[in-house]
Amino acid sequence: MFNQSAKYYDKIYAFKDYGTESETLMAAIQAHKRAEGTRLLDVACGTGKHLTYLKAHFAVEGLDLDPELLDIARAQHPEVPFHHGDMLDFTLDHSFEVVTCLFSSIGYVKTVGNLRQAIACMARHLVPGGVLVVEPWFPPEAWHPGTVHALFIDEPELKIARVNTSFVDGRHSYFDLHYLIGTPEGTEHFVERHELGLFTQEEMREAFMDAGLAVVYDDEGLMGRGLYVGTSNPSP
């Protein structure tokens, strides 16, 4: 999905306060983690910006489906293990005290069945007493089709205009991100389509519970989209 825009990803999302978000995330982890140890896996890690802050407190690893984003993450964090994999069915040979899936990446699974599969897959990589933290995409009632959005970057040698209109098809949200990018080498235009499932709070909670996790929900979360924290049963 980010094959053309990946090299601009950190510029486009420079508005995100990863430091403050990581502090909020660490507070949630500390409140619910019941396992000793500091191993953390960030699923759908993108370019690894949250790991920039989390690696000071955890033994971090990252996983993503997009090879271009992973290349950037590896260049920025050469000491961190990164894995290429799909949140639906990845298998690593070790477990973690913490698994995270942030910035609404869970929405890309699209369907409730896939949601359950992804949460179960991530939960299987937790040690007893570990925590799974998921930042959701919008629920159906909070998605507003027909709204128009734009983002602009104006630097001396980089100009970016990104414009899209939001649409809905049943329980799927979708939008075409139109990029107009100017550099000293020239100006290009391309389009990237994004499709994300609109899951209710009940569907999210049930996915956690079906995976054997006790779940709590914070309606503010890291950036106003909420946060689900699931804890696996500690060892007897």
Protein backbone atom coordinates (compact mmCIF):
# COMPACT_ATOMS: atom_id res chain seq x y z
CA MET A 1 0.00 0.00 0.00
CA PHE A 2 2.90 2.37 0.64
CA ASN A 3 5.14 1.17 -2.18
CA GLN A 4 5.32 4.62 -3.79
CA SER A 5 4.92 6.86 -0.75
CA ALA A 6 7.12 4.87 1.67
CA LYS A 7 10.16 7.10 1.27
CA TYR A 8 8.01 10.09 2.26
CA TYR A 9 6.20 8.33 5.11
CA ASP A 10 8.04 10.03 7.97
CA LYS A 11 7.62 13.43 6.35
CA ILE A 12 3.89 12.89 5.84
CA TYR A 13 3.30 11.77 9.42
CA ALA A 14 5.68 14.22 11.08
CA PHE A 15 2.64 15.68 12.85
CA LYS A 16 2.44 12.61 15.09
CA ASP A 17 3.93 13.07 18.57
CA TYR A 18 5.50 9.62 18.85
CA GLY A 19 7.26 10.55 22.11
CA THR A 20 4.10 11.49 23.97
CA GLU A 21 2.20 8.56 22.44
CA SER A 22 4.93 6.19 23.65
CA GLU A 23 4.68 7.58 27.18
CA THR A 24 0.93 6.97 27.19
CA LEU A 25 1.50 3.49 25.80
CA MET A 26 4.09 2.65 28.45
CA ALA A 27 1.69 3.74 31.21
CA ALA A 28 -0.98 1.39 29.85
CA ILE A 29 1.53 -1.45 29.63
CA GLN A 30 2.74 -0.92 33.19
CA ALA A 31 -0.84 -0.85 34.49
CA HIS A 32 -1.80 -4.21 32.96
CA LYS A 33 1.32 -6.31 32.38
CA ARG A 34 1.60 -9.18 34.84
CA ALA A 35 4.69 -10.86 33.36
CA GLU A 36 8.31 -10.24 34.14
CA GLY A 37 10.56 -9.32 31.23
CA THR A 38 10.75 -6.55 28.65
CA ARG A 39 10.45 -8.17 25.22
CA LEU A 40 8.16 -6.13 22.95
CA LEU A 41 6.96 -6.80 19.41
CA ASP A 42 5.42 -3.95 17.42
CA VAL A 43 3.16 -5.44 14.72
CA ALA A 44 2.64 -3.22 11.66
CA CYS A 45 5.61 -1.21 12.89
CA GLY A 46 5.98 0.88 9.73
CA THR A 47 9.24 2.83 9.82
CA GLY A 48 9.68 2.09 13.53
CA LYS A 49 9.02 5.55 14.94
CA HIS A 50 7.38 4.28 18.15
CA LEU A 51 10.34 1.95 18.63
CA THR A 52 12.63 5.00 18.66
CA TYR A 53 11.23 5.70 22.13
CA LEU A 54 10.21 2.23 23.28
CA LYS A 55 13.66 0.71 22.77
CA ALA A 56 14.95 2.70 25.75
CA HIS A 57 12.65 0.64 27.98
CA PHE A 58 12.10 -2.65 26.14
CA ALA A 59 13.98 -5.23 24.09
CA VAL A 60 12.07 -4.34 20.93
CA GLU A 61 11.38 -6.06 17.64
CA GLY A 62 9.19 -5.02 14.72
CA LEU A 63 7.05 -6.77 12.13
CA ASP A 64 5.43 -5.37 8.99
CA LEU A 65 3.98 -6.55 5.69
CA ASP A 66 5.41 -3.65 3.65
CA PRO A 67 9.04 -4.31 2.59
CA GLU A 68 9.70 -0.66 1.70
CA LEU A 69 8.72 0.52 5.18
CA LEU A 70 10.79 -2.26 6.73
CA ASP A 71 13.85 -1.14 4.75
CA ILE A 72 13.51 2.33 6.27
CA ALA A 73 12.98 0.90 9.77
CA ARG A 74 16.11 -1.26 9.46
CA ALA A 75 18.19 1.69 8.27
CA GLN A 76 17.01 3.83 11.19
CA HIS A 77 17.35 1.06 13.79
CA PRO A 78 20.11 -1.31 12.65
CA GLU A 79 20.32 -2.88 16.10
CA VAL A 80 16.63 -3.89 16.15
CA PRO A 81 15.37 -7.21 14.70
CA PHE A 82 12.67 -6.64 12.08
CA HIS A 83 10.49 -9.35 10.53
CA HIS A 84 8.51 -9.42 7.30
CA GLY A 85 5.09 -10.86 8.03
CA ASP A 86 1.33 -10.52 7.96
CA MET A 87 -0.51 -9.87 11.23
CA LEU A 88 -3.03 -12.53 10.21
CA ASP A 89 -0.67 -15.48 10.32
CA PHE A 90 2.90 -14.61 11.29
CA THR A 91 4.89 -17.09 13.35
CA LEU A 92 8.00 -16.19 15.33
CA ASP A 93 10.02 -18.71 17.31
CA HIS A 94 9.81 -16.77 20.57
CA SER A 95 7.23 -14.97 22.73
CA PHE A 96 6.93 -11.48 24.17
CA GLU A 97 5.77 -9.76 27.33
CA VAL A 98 4.22 -7.02 25.17
CA VAL A 99 2.75 -7.03 21.64
CA THR A 100 1.51 -3.76 20.14
CA CYS A 101 -0.40 -2.90 16.96
CA LEU A 102 -0.70 0.87 16.65
CA PHE A 103 -1.84 3.75 14.40
CA SER A 104 -5.08 1.93 13.48
CA SER A 105 -3.22 -0.72 11.46
CA ILE A 106 -5.70 -3.35 12.66
CA GLY A 107 -8.27 -1.82 10.29
CA TYR A 108 -6.41 -3.21 7.29
CA VAL A 109 -7.61 -6.74 8.12
CA LYS A 110 -10.99 -5.51 6.77
CA THR A 111 -13.36 -8.22 8.06
CA VAL A 112 -14.51 -9.39 11.49
CA GLY A 113 -13.23 -12.88 10.72
CA ASN A 114 -9.79 -11.52 9.91
CA LEU A 115 -9.92 -9.33 13.01
CA ARG A 116 -10.41 -12.40 15.19
CA GLN A 117 -7.63 -14.22 13.35
CA ALA A 118 -5.17 -11.32 13.74
CA ILE A 119 -5.89 -10.80 17.45
CA ALA A 120 -5.54 -14.56 18.05
CA CYS A 121 -2.24 -14.62 16.15
CA MET A 122 -0.82 -11.76 18.19
CA ALA A 123 -2.12 -13.26 21.43
CA ARG A 124 -0.34 -16.54 20.67
CA HIS A 125 2.95 -14.63 20.81
CA LEU A 126 2.36 -13.46 24.39
CA VAL A 127 3.89 -15.08 27.44
CA PRO A 128 1.49 -15.75 30.36
CA GLY A 129 0.65 -12.40 31.95
CA GLY A 130 1.71 -10.47 28.84
CA VAL A 131 -0.28 -7.66 27.24
CA LEU A 132 -1.57 -6.98 23.76
CA VAL A 133 -2.20 -3.30 22.99
CA VAL A 134 -4.20 -2.41 19.87
CA GLU A 135 -5.06 1.08 18.63
CA PRO A 136 -8.27 0.72 16.60
CA TRP A 137 -9.50 2.29 13.39
CA PHE A 138 -12.83 4.14 13.49
CA PRO A 139 -16.04 2.31 14.48
CA PRO A 140 -18.90 2.54 11.95
CA GLU A 141 -20.67 5.45 13.63
CA ALA A 142 -17.51 7.59 13.71
CA TRP A 143 -16.70 7.28 9.99
CA HIS A 144 -18.02 10.15 7.86
CA PRO A 145 -18.15 9.38 4.13
CA GLY A 146 -18.11 12.28 1.73
CA THR A 147 -15.62 14.32 3.75
CA VAL A 148 -12.58 15.76 1.98
CA HIS A 149 -9.11 15.80 3.51
CA ALA A 150 -5.77 17.33 2.57
CA LEU A 151 -2.22 17.39 3.88
CA PHE A 152 0.55 19.67 2.65
CA ILE A 153 4.31 19.71 3.13
CA ASP A 154 6.29 22.75 2.06
CA GLU A 155 10.06 22.44 2.32
CA PRO A 156 12.69 24.08 0.11
CA GLU A 157 13.32 20.91 -1.92
CA LEU A 158 10.18 18.92 -1.19
CA LYS A 159 6.56 19.83 -1.86
CA ILE A 160 3.79 17.34 -1.13
CA ALA A 161 0.05 17.71 -1.56
CA ARG A 162 -2.04 14.71 -0.48
CA VAL A 163 -5.80 14.92 -1.05
CA ASN A 164 -8.55 12.36 -0.60
CA THR A 165 -12.28 11.92 -0.16
CA SER A 166 -13.63 9.39 2.36
CA PHE A 167 -16.09 6.71 1.21
CA VAL A 168 -17.88 3.71 2.70
CA ASP A 169 -19.12 0.42 1.29
CA GLY A 170 -21.06 -1.49 3.92
CA ARG A 171 -18.62 -2.03 6.78
CA HIS A 172 -15.55 -1.05 4.76
CA SER A 173 -14.09 2.44 4.72
CA TYR A 174 -11.96 3.33 1.72
CA PHE A 175 -10.17 6.28 0.19
CA ASP A 176 -7.78 7.01 -2.65
CA LEU A 177 -4.81 9.08 -1.52
CA HIS A 178 -3.79 11.33 -4.41
CA TYR A 179 -0.18 12.45 -4.08
CA LEU A 180 1.41 15.32 -5.97
CA ILE A 181 5.10 15.39 -5.09
CA GLY A 182 7.70 17.87 -6.30
CA THR A 183 11.47 17.48 -5.87
CA PRO A 184 14.46 18.96 -7.69
CA GLU A 185 14.35 15.88 -9.94
CA GLY A 186 10.79 16.59 -11.08
CA THR A 187 7.12 16.34 -10.14
CA GLU A 188 5.11 13.13 -9.97
CA HIS A 189 1.53 12.13 -9.28
CA PHE A 190 0.32 8.76 -8.02
CA VAL A 191 -2.65 7.26 -6.18
CA GLU A 192 -2.69 4.73 -3.34
CA ARG A 193 -5.96 3.07 -2.29
CA HIS A 194 -6.54 2.20 1.35
CA GLU A 195 -9.38 -0.02 2.58
CA LEU A 196 -10.05 -0.59 6.28
CA GLY A 197 -12.76 -2.43 8.18
CA LEU A 198 -15.09 -0.52 10.49
CA PHE A 199 -15.34 -2.60 13.68
CA THR A 200 -17.64 -1.93 16.61
CA GLN A 201 -16.35 -1.84 20.17
CA GLU A 202 -18.21 -5.07 20.84
CA GLU A 203 -16.52 -6.79 17.90
CA MET A 204 -13.13 -5.61 19.11
CA ARG A 205 -13.78 -6.79 22.67
CA GLU A 206 -15.06 -10.17 21.49
CA ALA A 207 -11.94 -10.71 19.39
CA PHE A 208 -9.78 -10.18 22.48
CA MET A 209 -11.95 -12.39 24.68
CA ASP A 210 -12.07 -15.16 22.09
CA ALA A 211 -8.25 -15.09 22.09
CA GLY A 212 -8.29 -15.73 25.86
CA LEU A 213 -7.45 -12.17 26.90
CA ALA A 214 -9.06 -10.01 29.57
CA VAL A 215 -9.63 -6.69 27.82
CA VAL A 216 -10.09 -3.07 28.88
CA TYR A 217 -10.82 -0.08 26.64
CA ASP A 218 -9.61 3.51 26.93
CA ASP A 219 -11.73 5.76 24.71
CA GLU A 220 -8.98 8.40 24.35
CA GLY A 221 -5.94 6.23 23.70
CA LEU A 222 -2.84 7.64 22.06
CA MET A 223 -4.41 10.13 19.65
CA GLY A 224 -8.15 10.11 20.27
CA ARG A 225 -8.98 6.85 18.49
CA GLY A 226 -9.15 4.69 21.63
CA LEU A 227 -6.94 1.87 22.88
CA TYR A 228 -7.62 -1.80 23.71
CA VAL A 229 -5.38 -3.54 26.24
CA GLY A 230 -5.67 -7.28 26.60
CA THR A 231 -3.89 -9.30 29.30
CA SER A 232 -3.24 -13.02 29.03
CA ASN A 233 -3.74 -15.21 32.06
CA PRO A 234 -0.60 -15.29 34.22
CA SER A 235 1.06 -18.59 35.06
CA PRO A 236 -0.47 -20.35 38.10
